[in-house]
Amino acid sequence: MGLLTGLTVFVLAIFVGFEIITKIPPTLHTPLMSGSNAISGITVVGAILAAGADHGWFACLLGMIAVALAMINVVGGFLVTNRMLEMFRRK
């Protein structure tokens, strides 16, 4: 029952995330992305905890994939934020 619940939450999270991202206008996307870096950091911590938990090799594999994807999100967010801030610096 736990696997089915987890898959249901995962699919619903994908759907909700896609719907939210597609509804945000481009002018708001960059500031919101820079603000979401803290949330992504929390996701990295949760993914590390999931990867390190002793629940079997498959859970560890999913945890490692989650760590990699969350870190890509964090680094990408910081790069976009840095680029946005460069636009406002005096030359």
PDB file of N, CA and C in Angstrom:
ATOM      1  N   MET A   1       0.821  -1.198   0.000  1.00  0.00           N
ATOM      2  CA  MET A   1       0.000   0.000   0.000  1.00  0.00           C
ATOM      3  C   MET A   1       0.861   1.257   0.000  1.00  0.00           C
ATOM      4  N   GLY A   2       2.047   1.200   0.601  1.00  0.00           N
ATOM      5  CA  GLY A   2       2.925   2.364   0.665  1.00  0.00           C
ATOM      6  C   GLY A   2       3.433   2.784  -0.700  1.00  0.00           C
ATOM      7  N   LEU A   3       3.757   1.822  -1.569  1.00  0.00           N
ATOM      8  CA  LEU A   3       4.241   2.138  -2.904  1.00  0.00           C
ATOM      9  C   LEU A   3       3.155   2.819  -3.723  1.00  0.00           C
ATOM     10  N   LEU A   4       1.938   2.340  -3.651  1.00  0.00           N
ATOM     11  CA  LEU A   4       0.838   2.945  -4.395  1.00  0.00           C
ATOM     12  C   LEU A   4       0.573   4.374  -3.918  1.00  0.00           C
ATOM     13  N   THR A   5       0.620   4.593  -2.626  1.00  0.00           N
ATOM     14  CA  THR A   5       0.433   5.944  -2.083  1.00  0.00           C
ATOM     15  C   THR A   5       1.554   6.867  -2.536  1.00  0.00           C
ATOM     16  N   GLY A   6       2.788   6.381  -2.489  1.00  0.00           N
ATOM     17  CA  GLY A   6       3.923   7.179  -2.926  1.00  0.00           C
ATOM     18  C   GLY A   6       3.847   7.536  -4.396  1.00  0.00           C
ATOM     19  N   LEU A   7       3.471   6.566  -5.236  1.00  0.00           N
ATOM     20  CA  LEU A   7       3.327   6.842  -6.670  1.00  0.00           C
ATOM     21  C   LEU A   7       2.202   7.829  -6.945  1.00  0.00           C
ATOM     22  N   THR A   8       1.123   7.728  -6.192  1.00  0.00           N
ATOM     23  CA  THR A   8       0.006   8.662  -6.355  1.00  0.00           C
ATOM     24  C   THR A   8       0.430  10.083  -6.015  1.00  0.00           C
ATOM     25  N   VAL A   9       1.130  10.243  -4.906  1.00  0.00           N
ATOM     26  CA  VAL A   9       1.619  11.569  -4.513  1.00  0.00           C
ATOM     27  C   VAL A   9       2.599  12.101  -5.554  1.00  0.00           C
ATOM     28  N   PHE A  10       3.471  11.240  -6.077  1.00  0.00           N
ATOM     29  CA  PHE A  10       4.447  11.646  -7.082  1.00  0.00           C
ATOM     30  C   PHE A  10       3.764  12.136  -8.357  1.00  0.00           C
ATOM     31  N   VAL A  11       2.798  11.391  -8.855  1.00  0.00           N
ATOM     32  CA  VAL A  11       2.090  11.777 -10.080  1.00  0.00           C
ATOM     33  C   VAL A  11       1.304  13.066  -9.858  1.00  0.00           C
ATOM     34  N   LEU A  12       0.649  13.201  -8.720  1.00  0.00           N
ATOM     35  CA  LEU A  12      -0.084  14.436  -8.432  1.00  0.00           C
ATOM     36  C   LEU A  12       0.854  15.631  -8.315  1.00  0.00           C
ATOM     37  N   ALA A  13       2.034  15.433  -7.730  1.00  0.00           N
ATOM     38  CA  ALA A  13       3.010  16.520  -7.615  1.00  0.00           C
ATOM     39  C   ALA A  13       3.506  16.959  -8.989  1.00  0.00           C
ATOM     40  N   ILE A  14       3.723  15.999  -9.885  1.00  0.00           N
ATOM     41  CA  ILE A  14       4.132  16.341 -11.250  1.00  0.00           C
ATOM     42  C   ILE A  14       3.047  17.154 -11.935  1.00  0.00           C
ATOM     43  N   PHE A  15       1.810  16.718 -11.819  1.00  0.00           N
ATOM     44  CA  PHE A  15       0.701  17.414 -12.471  1.00  0.00           C
ATOM     45  C   PHE A  15       0.530  18.826 -11.917  1.00  0.00           C
ATOM     46  N   VAL A  16       0.525  18.968 -10.602  1.00  0.00           N
ATOM     47  CA  VAL A  16       0.342  20.286  -9.985  1.00  0.00           C
ATOM     48  C   VAL A  16       1.512  21.203 -10.334  1.00  0.00           C
ATOM     49  N   GLY A  17       2.738  20.690 -10.276  1.00  0.00           N
ATOM     50  CA  GLY A  17       3.903  21.494 -10.619  1.00  0.00           C
ATOM     51  C   GLY A  17       3.862  21.973 -12.055  1.00  0.00           C
ATOM     52  N   PHE A  18       3.489  21.106 -12.969  1.00  0.00           N
ATOM     53  CA  PHE A  18       3.388  21.498 -14.383  1.00  0.00           C
ATOM     54  C   PHE A  18       2.329  22.561 -14.584  1.00  0.00           C
ATOM     55  N   GLU A  19       1.191  22.392 -13.949  1.00  0.00           N
ATOM     56  CA  GLU A  19       0.119  23.369 -14.091  1.00  0.00           C
ATOM     57  C   GLU A  19       0.512  24.728 -13.511  1.00  0.00           C
ATOM     58  N   ILE A  20       1.207  24.728 -12.395  1.00  0.00           N
ATOM     59  CA  ILE A  20       1.616  25.998 -11.779  1.00  0.00           C
ATOM     60  C   ILE A  20       2.649  26.701 -12.643  1.00  0.00           C
ATOM     61  N   ILE A  21       3.641  25.970 -13.121  1.00  0.00           N
ATOM     62  CA  ILE A  21       4.717  26.575 -13.915  1.00  0.00           C
ATOM     63  C   ILE A  21       4.180  27.127 -15.231  1.00  0.00           C
ATOM     64  N   THR A  22       3.266  26.431 -15.874  1.00  0.00           N
ATOM     65  CA  THR A  22       2.769  26.913 -17.167  1.00  0.00           C
ATOM     66  C   THR A  22       1.850  28.117 -17.022  1.00  0.00           C
ATOM     67  N   LYS A  23       1.313  28.357 -15.841  1.00  0.00           N
ATOM     68  CA  LYS A  23       0.406  29.491 -15.638  1.00  0.00           C
ATOM     69  C   LYS A  23       1.124  30.775 -15.213  1.00  0.00           C
ATOM     70  N   ILE A  24       2.426  30.694 -14.886  1.00  0.00           N
ATOM     71  CA  ILE A  24       3.168  31.871 -14.443  1.00  0.00           C
ATOM     72  C   ILE A  24       3.648  32.649 -15.660  1.00  0.00           C
ATOM     73  N   PRO A  25       3.363  33.957 -15.701  1.00  0.00           N
ATOM     74  CA  PRO A  25       3.858  34.753 -16.831  1.00  0.00           C
ATOM     75  C   PRO A  25       5.385  34.857 -16.806  1.00  0.00           C
ATOM     76  N   PRO A  26       6.014  35.004 -17.971  1.00  0.00           N
ATOM     77  CA  PRO A  26       7.483  35.045 -18.030  1.00  0.00           C
ATOM     78  C   PRO A  26       8.114  36.167 -17.200  1.00  0.00           C
ATOM     79  N   THR A  27       7.422  37.279 -17.019  1.00  0.00           N
ATOM     80  CA  THR A  27       7.995  38.381 -16.241  1.00  0.00           C
ATOM     81  C   THR A  27       8.115  38.041 -14.763  1.00  0.00           C
ATOM     82  N   LEU A  28       7.317  37.112 -14.275  1.00  0.00           N
ATOM     83  CA  LEU A  28       7.376  36.720 -12.877  1.00  0.00           C
ATOM     84  C   LEU A  28       8.211  35.466 -12.643  1.00  0.00           C
ATOM     85  N   HIS A  29       8.569  34.772 -13.701  1.00  0.00           N
ATOM     86  CA  HIS A  29       9.221  33.480 -13.536  1.00  0.00           C
ATOM     87  C   HIS A  29      10.585  33.600 -12.860  1.00  0.00           C
ATOM     88  N   THR A  30      11.414  34.548 -13.278  1.00  0.00           N
ATOM     89  CA  THR A  30      12.760  34.656 -12.720  1.00  0.00           C
ATOM     90  C   THR A  30      12.756  35.043 -11.249  1.00  0.00           C
ATOM     91  N   PRO A  31      11.990  36.067 -10.820  1.00  0.00           N
ATOM     92  CA  PRO A  31      11.969  36.355  -9.378  1.00  0.00           C
ATOM     93  C   PRO A  31      11.411  35.207  -8.542  1.00  0.00           C
ATOM     94  N   LEU A  32      10.422  34.526  -9.056  1.00  0.00           N
ATOM     95  CA  LEU A  32       9.874  33.393  -8.312  1.00  0.00           C
ATOM     96  C   LEU A  32      10.876  32.243  -8.254  1.00  0.00           C
ATOM     97  N   MET A  33      11.644  32.079  -9.325  1.00  0.00           N
ATOM     98  CA  MET A  33      12.631  31.013  -9.344  1.00  0.00           C
ATOM     99  C   MET A  33      13.735  31.289  -8.331  1.00  0.00           C
ATOM    100  N   SER A  34      14.140  32.534  -8.227  1.00  0.00           N
ATOM    101  CA  SER A  34      15.183  32.850  -7.260  1.00  0.00           C
ATOM    102  C   SER A  34      14.666  32.672  -5.835  1.00  0.00           C
ATOM    103  N   GLY A  35      13.409  32.950  -5.617  1.00  0.00           N
ATOM    104  CA  GLY A  35      12.832  32.749  -4.292  1.00  0.00           C
ATOM    105  C   GLY A  35      12.623  31.294  -3.934  1.00  0.00           C
ATOM    106  N   SER A  36      12.518  30.453  -4.939  1.00  0.00           N
ATOM    107  CA  SER A  36      12.280  29.035  -4.665  1.00  0.00           C
ATOM    108  C   SER A  36      13.556  28.255  -4.382  1.00  0.00           C
ATOM    109  N   ASN A  37      14.715  28.917  -4.423  1.00  0.00           N
ATOM    110  CA  ASN A  37      15.968  28.209  -4.125  1.00  0.00           C
ATOM    111  C   ASN A  37      15.993  27.670  -2.698  1.00  0.00           C
ATOM    112  N   ALA A  38      15.382  28.387  -1.762  1.00  0.00           N
ATOM    113  CA  ALA A  38      15.332  27.887  -0.380  1.00  0.00           C
ATOM    114  C   ALA A  38      14.503  26.607  -0.306  1.00  0.00           C
ATOM    115  N   ILE A  39      13.413  26.564  -1.036  1.00  0.00           N
ATOM    116  CA  ILE A  39      12.578  25.362  -1.060  1.00  0.00           C
ATOM    117  C   ILE A  39      13.350  24.210  -1.703  1.00  0.00           C
ATOM    118  N   SER A  40      14.111  24.507  -2.747  1.00  0.00           N
ATOM    119  CA  SER A  40      14.910  23.470  -3.392  1.00  0.00           C
ATOM    120  C   SER A  40      15.989  22.959  -2.455  1.00  0.00           C
ATOM    121  N   GLY A  41      16.530  23.826  -1.620  1.00  0.00           N
ATOM    122  CA  GLY A  41      17.513  23.389  -0.630  1.00  0.00           C
ATOM    123  C   GLY A  41      16.911  22.410   0.359  1.00  0.00           C
ATOM    124  N   ILE A  42      15.686  22.663   0.757  1.00  0.00           N
ATOM    125  CA  ILE A  42      14.987  21.741   1.647  1.00  0.00           C
ATOM    126  C   ILE A  42      14.750  20.406   0.940  1.00  0.00           C
ATOM    127  N   THR A  43      14.475  20.463  -0.356  1.00  0.00           N
ATOM    128  CA  THR A  43      14.289  19.252  -1.142  1.00  0.00           C
ATOM    129  C   THR A  43      15.574  18.436  -1.191  1.00  0.00           C
ATOM    130  N   VAL A  44      16.710  19.122  -1.301  1.00  0.00           N
ATOM    131  CA  VAL A  44      17.998  18.418  -1.308  1.00  0.00           C
ATOM    132  C   VAL A  44      18.206  17.687   0.016  1.00  0.00           C
ATOM    133  N   VAL A  45      17.899  18.341   1.114  1.00  0.00           N
ATOM    134  CA  VAL A  45      18.053  17.704   2.432  1.00  0.00           C
ATOM    135  C   VAL A  45      17.150  16.473   2.537  1.00  0.00           C
ATOM    136  N   GLY A  46      15.906  16.604   2.103  1.00  0.00           N
ATOM    137  CA  GLY A  46      14.991  15.460   2.126  1.00  0.00           C
ATOM    138  C   GLY A  46      15.456  14.329   1.226  1.00  0.00           C
ATOM    139  N   ALA A  47      16.005  14.668   0.064  1.00  0.00           N
ATOM    140  CA  ALA A  47      16.501  13.643  -0.852  1.00  0.00           C
ATOM    141  C   ALA A  47      17.714  12.927  -0.269  1.00  0.00           C
ATOM    142  N   ILE A  48      18.579  13.680   0.418  1.00  0.00           N
ATOM    143  CA  ILE A  48      19.735  13.043   1.059  1.00  0.00           C
ATOM    144  C   ILE A  48      19.274  12.092   2.162  1.00  0.00           C
ATOM    145  N   LEU A  49      18.284  12.519   2.922  1.00  0.00           N
ATOM    146  CA  LEU A  49      17.745  11.635   3.963  1.00  0.00           C
ATOM    147  C   LEU A  49      17.123  10.380   3.358  1.00  0.00           C
ATOM    148  N   ALA A  50      16.427  10.543   2.236  1.00  0.00           N
ATOM    149  CA  ALA A  50      15.813   9.385   1.578  1.00  0.00           C
ATOM    150  C   ALA A  50      16.879   8.453   1.015  1.00  0.00           C
ATOM    151  N   ALA A  51      17.959   9.022   0.465  1.00  0.00           N
ATOM    152  CA  ALA A  51      19.011   8.183  -0.106  1.00  0.00           C
ATOM    153  C   ALA A  51      19.782   7.450   0.980  1.00  0.00           C
ATOM    154  N   GLY A  52      19.919   8.066   2.153  1.00  0.00           N
ATOM    155  CA  GLY A  52      20.688   7.450   3.226  1.00  0.00           C
ATOM    156  C   GLY A  52      19.902   6.512   4.112  1.00  0.00           C
ATOM    157  N   ALA A  53      18.589   6.512   3.977  1.00  0.00           N
ATOM    158  CA  ALA A  53      17.766   5.630   4.813  1.00  0.00           C
ATOM    159  C   ALA A  53      17.965   4.174   4.378  1.00  0.00           C
ATOM    160  N   ASP A  54      17.833   3.289   5.301  1.00  0.00           N
ATOM    161  CA  ASP A  54      18.053   1.873   5.021  1.00  0.00           C
ATOM    162  C   ASP A  54      16.727   1.198   4.664  1.00  0.00           C
ATOM    163  N   HIS A  55      16.245   1.490   3.451  1.00  0.00           N
ATOM    164  CA  HIS A  55      14.983   0.912   2.994  1.00  0.00           C
ATOM    165  C   HIS A  55      15.163   0.031   1.762  1.00  0.00           C
ATOM    166  N   GLY A  56      16.385  -0.328   1.449  1.00  0.00           N
ATOM    167  CA  GLY A  56      16.625  -1.180   0.290  1.00  0.00           C
ATOM    168  C   GLY A  56      17.343  -0.421  -0.816  1.00  0.00           C
ATOM    169  N   TRP A  57      17.806  -1.192  -1.806  1.00  0.00           N
ATOM    170  CA  TRP A  57      18.602  -0.596  -2.876  1.00  0.00           C
ATOM    171  C   TRP A  57      17.773   0.289  -3.791  1.00  0.00           C
ATOM    172  N   PHE A  58      16.514  -0.059  -4.030  1.00  0.00           N
ATOM    173  CA  PHE A  58      15.681   0.724  -4.949  1.00  0.00           C
ATOM    174  C   PHE A  58      15.368   2.093  -4.346  1.00  0.00           C
ATOM    175  N   ALA A  59      15.078   2.130  -3.061  1.00  0.00           N
ATOM    176  CA  ALA A  59      14.830   3.407  -2.388  1.00  0.00           C
ATOM    177  C   ALA A  59      16.091   4.262  -2.382  1.00  0.00           C
ATOM    178  N   CYS A  60      17.243   3.636  -2.213  1.00  0.00           N
ATOM    179  CA  CYS A  60      18.509   4.361  -2.257  1.00  0.00           C
ATOM    180  C   CYS A  60      18.753   4.926  -3.654  1.00  0.00           C
ATOM    181  N   LEU A  61      18.456   4.139  -4.678  1.00  0.00           N
ATOM    182  CA  LEU A  61      18.610   4.612  -6.058  1.00  0.00           C
ATOM    183  C   LEU A  61      17.696   5.797  -6.334  1.00  0.00           C
ATOM    184  N   LEU A  62      16.440   5.703  -5.936  1.00  0.00           N
ATOM    185  CA  LEU A  62      15.517   6.822  -6.124  1.00  0.00           C
ATOM    186  C   LEU A  62      15.962   8.049  -5.338  1.00  0.00           C
ATOM    187  N   GLY A  63      16.514   7.833  -4.147  1.00  0.00           N
ATOM    188  CA  GLY A  63      17.028   8.940  -3.353  1.00  0.00           C
ATOM    189  C   GLY A  63      18.203   9.621  -4.031  1.00  0.00           C
ATOM    190  N   MET A  64      19.102   8.849  -4.618  1.00  0.00           N
ATOM    191  CA  MET A  64      20.252   9.432  -5.327  1.00  0.00           C
ATOM    192  C   MET A  64      19.799  10.211  -6.553  1.00  0.00           C
ATOM    193  N   ILE A  65      18.810   9.688  -7.263  1.00  0.00           N
ATOM    194  CA  ILE A  65      18.264  10.415  -8.416  1.00  0.00           C
ATOM    195  C   ILE A  65      17.613  11.714  -7.947  1.00  0.00           C
ATOM    196  N   ALA A  66      16.914  11.649  -6.822  1.00  0.00           N
ATOM    197  CA  ALA A  66      16.284  12.853  -6.272  1.00  0.00           C
ATOM    198  C   ALA A  66      17.327  13.889  -5.865  1.00  0.00           C
ATOM    199  N   VAL A  67      18.446  13.441  -5.292  1.00  0.00           N
ATOM    200  CA  VAL A  67      19.520  14.369  -4.924  1.00  0.00           C
ATOM    201  C   VAL A  67      20.066  15.047  -6.177  1.00  0.00           C
ATOM    202  N   ALA A  68      20.321  14.269  -7.217  1.00  0.00           N
ATOM    203  CA  ALA A  68      20.872  14.837  -8.459  1.00  0.00           C
ATOM    204  C   ALA A  68      19.913  15.854  -9.070  1.00  0.00           C
ATOM    205  N   LEU A  69      18.637  15.513  -9.160  1.00  0.00           N
ATOM    206  CA  LEU A  69      17.667  16.428  -9.768  1.00  0.00           C
ATOM    207  C   LEU A  69      17.456  17.677  -8.918  1.00  0.00           C
ATOM    208  N   ALA A  70      17.443  17.525  -7.610  1.00  0.00           N
ATOM    209  CA  ALA A  70      17.279  18.686  -6.737  1.00  0.00           C
ATOM    210  C   ALA A  70      18.489  19.603  -6.831  1.00  0.00           C
ATOM    211  N   MET A  71      19.688  19.044  -6.936  1.00  0.00           N
ATOM    212  CA  MET A  71      20.883  19.875  -7.067  1.00  0.00           C
ATOM    213  C   MET A  71      20.910  20.601  -8.401  1.00  0.00           C
ATOM    214  N   ILE A  72      20.449  19.958  -9.461  1.00  0.00           N
ATOM    215  CA  ILE A  72      20.341  20.637 -10.755  1.00  0.00           C
ATOM    216  C   ILE A  72      19.401  21.823 -10.630  1.00  0.00           C
ATOM    217  N   ASN A  73      18.304  21.647  -9.910  1.00  0.00           N
ATOM    218  CA  ASN A  73      17.338  22.722  -9.706  1.00  0.00           C
ATOM    219  C   ASN A  73      17.948  23.872  -8.908  1.00  0.00           C
ATOM    220  N   VAL A  74      18.704  23.560  -7.862  1.00  0.00           N
ATOM    221  CA  VAL A  74      19.329  24.594  -7.035  1.00  0.00           C
ATOM    222  C   VAL A  74      20.369  25.366  -7.843  1.00  0.00           C
ATOM    223  N   VAL A  75      21.257  24.654  -8.533  1.00  0.00           N
ATOM    224  CA  VAL A  75      22.304  25.320  -9.317  1.00  0.00           C
ATOM    225  C   VAL A  75      21.693  26.156 -10.435  1.00  0.00           C
ATOM    226  N   GLY A  76      20.707  25.613 -11.119  1.00  0.00           N
ATOM    227  CA  GLY A  76      20.035  26.377 -12.170  1.00  0.00           C
ATOM    228  C   GLY A  76      19.362  27.624 -11.632  1.00  0.00           C
ATOM    229  N   GLY A  77      18.756  27.518 -10.475  1.00  0.00           N
ATOM    230  CA  GLY A  77      18.114  28.682  -9.865  1.00  0.00           C
ATOM    231  C   GLY A  77      19.106  29.769  -9.519  1.00  0.00           C
ATOM    232  N   PHE A  78      20.261  29.367  -8.977  1.00  0.00           N
ATOM    233  CA  PHE A  78      21.288  30.356  -8.656  1.00  0.00           C
ATOM    234  C   PHE A  78      21.880  30.980  -9.917  1.00  0.00           C
ATOM    235  N   LEU A  79      22.051  30.206 -10.976  1.00  0.00           N
ATOM    236  CA  LEU A  79      22.574  30.767 -12.221  1.00  0.00           C
ATOM    237  C   LEU A  79      21.605  31.782 -12.822  1.00  0.00           C
ATOM    238  N   VAL A  80      20.326  31.458 -12.805  1.00  0.00           N
ATOM    239  CA  VAL A  80      19.327  32.390 -13.335  1.00  0.00           C
ATOM    240  C   VAL A  80      19.256  33.643 -12.471  1.00  0.00           C
ATOM    241  N   THR A  81      19.328  33.479 -11.157  1.00  0.00           N
ATOM    242  CA  THR A  81      19.308  34.637 -10.264  1.00  0.00           C
ATOM    243  C   THR A  81      20.524  35.523 -10.503  1.00  0.00           C
ATOM    244  N   ASN A  82      21.688  34.911 -10.664  1.00  0.00           N
ATOM    245  CA  ASN A  82      22.896  35.684 -10.933  1.00  0.00           C
ATOM    246  C   ASN A  82      22.781  36.442 -12.250  1.00  0.00           C
ATOM    247  N   ARG A  83      22.249  35.793 -13.251  1.00  0.00           N
ATOM    248  CA  ARG A  83      22.068  36.460 -14.551  1.00  0.00           C
ATOM    249  C   ARG A  83      21.085  37.616 -14.437  1.00  0.00           C
ATOM    250  N   MET A  84      20.026  37.421 -13.672  1.00  0.00           N
ATOM    251  CA  MET A  84      19.048  38.483 -13.482  1.00  0.00           C
ATOM    252  C   MET A  84      19.683  39.675 -12.764  1.00  0.00           C
ATOM    253  N   LEU A  85      20.481  39.415 -11.742  1.00  0.00           N
ATOM    254  CA  LEU A  85      21.113  40.494 -11.011  1.00  0.00           C
ATOM    255  C   LEU A  85      22.171  41.213 -11.842  1.00  0.00           C
ATOM    256  N   GLU A  86      22.834  40.504 -12.748  1.00  0.00           N
ATOM    257  CA  GLU A  86      23.801  41.138 -13.638  1.00  0.00           C
ATOM    258  C   GLU A  86      23.134  42.174 -14.543  1.00  0.00           C
ATOM    259  N   MET A  87      21.879  41.974 -14.863  1.00  0.00           N
ATOM    260  CA  MET A  87      21.173  42.914 -15.734  1.00  0.00           C
ATOM    261  C   MET A  87      20.981  44.268 -15.050  1.00  0.00           C
ATOM    262  N   PHE A  88      20.979  44.296 -13.731  1.00  0.00           N
ATOM    263  CA  PHE A  88      20.718  45.540 -12.998  1.00  0.00           C
ATOM    264  C   PHE A  88      21.996  46.224 -12.532  1.00  0.00           C
ATOM    265  N   ARG A  89      23.158  45.651 -12.773  1.00  0.00           N
ATOM    266  CA  ARG A  89      24.407  46.284 -12.365  1.00  0.00           C
ATOM    267  C   ARG A  89      24.807  47.354 -13.356  1.00  0.00           C
ATOM    268  N   ARG A  90      25.441  48.394 -12.833  1.00  0.00           N
ATOM    269  CA  ARG A  90      25.922  49.459 -13.711  1.00  0.00           C
ATOM    270  C   ARG A  90      27.166  49.010 -14.449  1.00  0.00           C
ATOM    271  N   LYS A  91      27.283  49.485 -15.650  1.00  0.00           N
ATOM    272  CA  LYS A  91      28.417  49.096 -16.480  1.00  0.00           C
ATOM    273  C   LYS A  91      29.537  50.096 -16.393  1.00  0.00           C
TER     274      LYS A  91
END
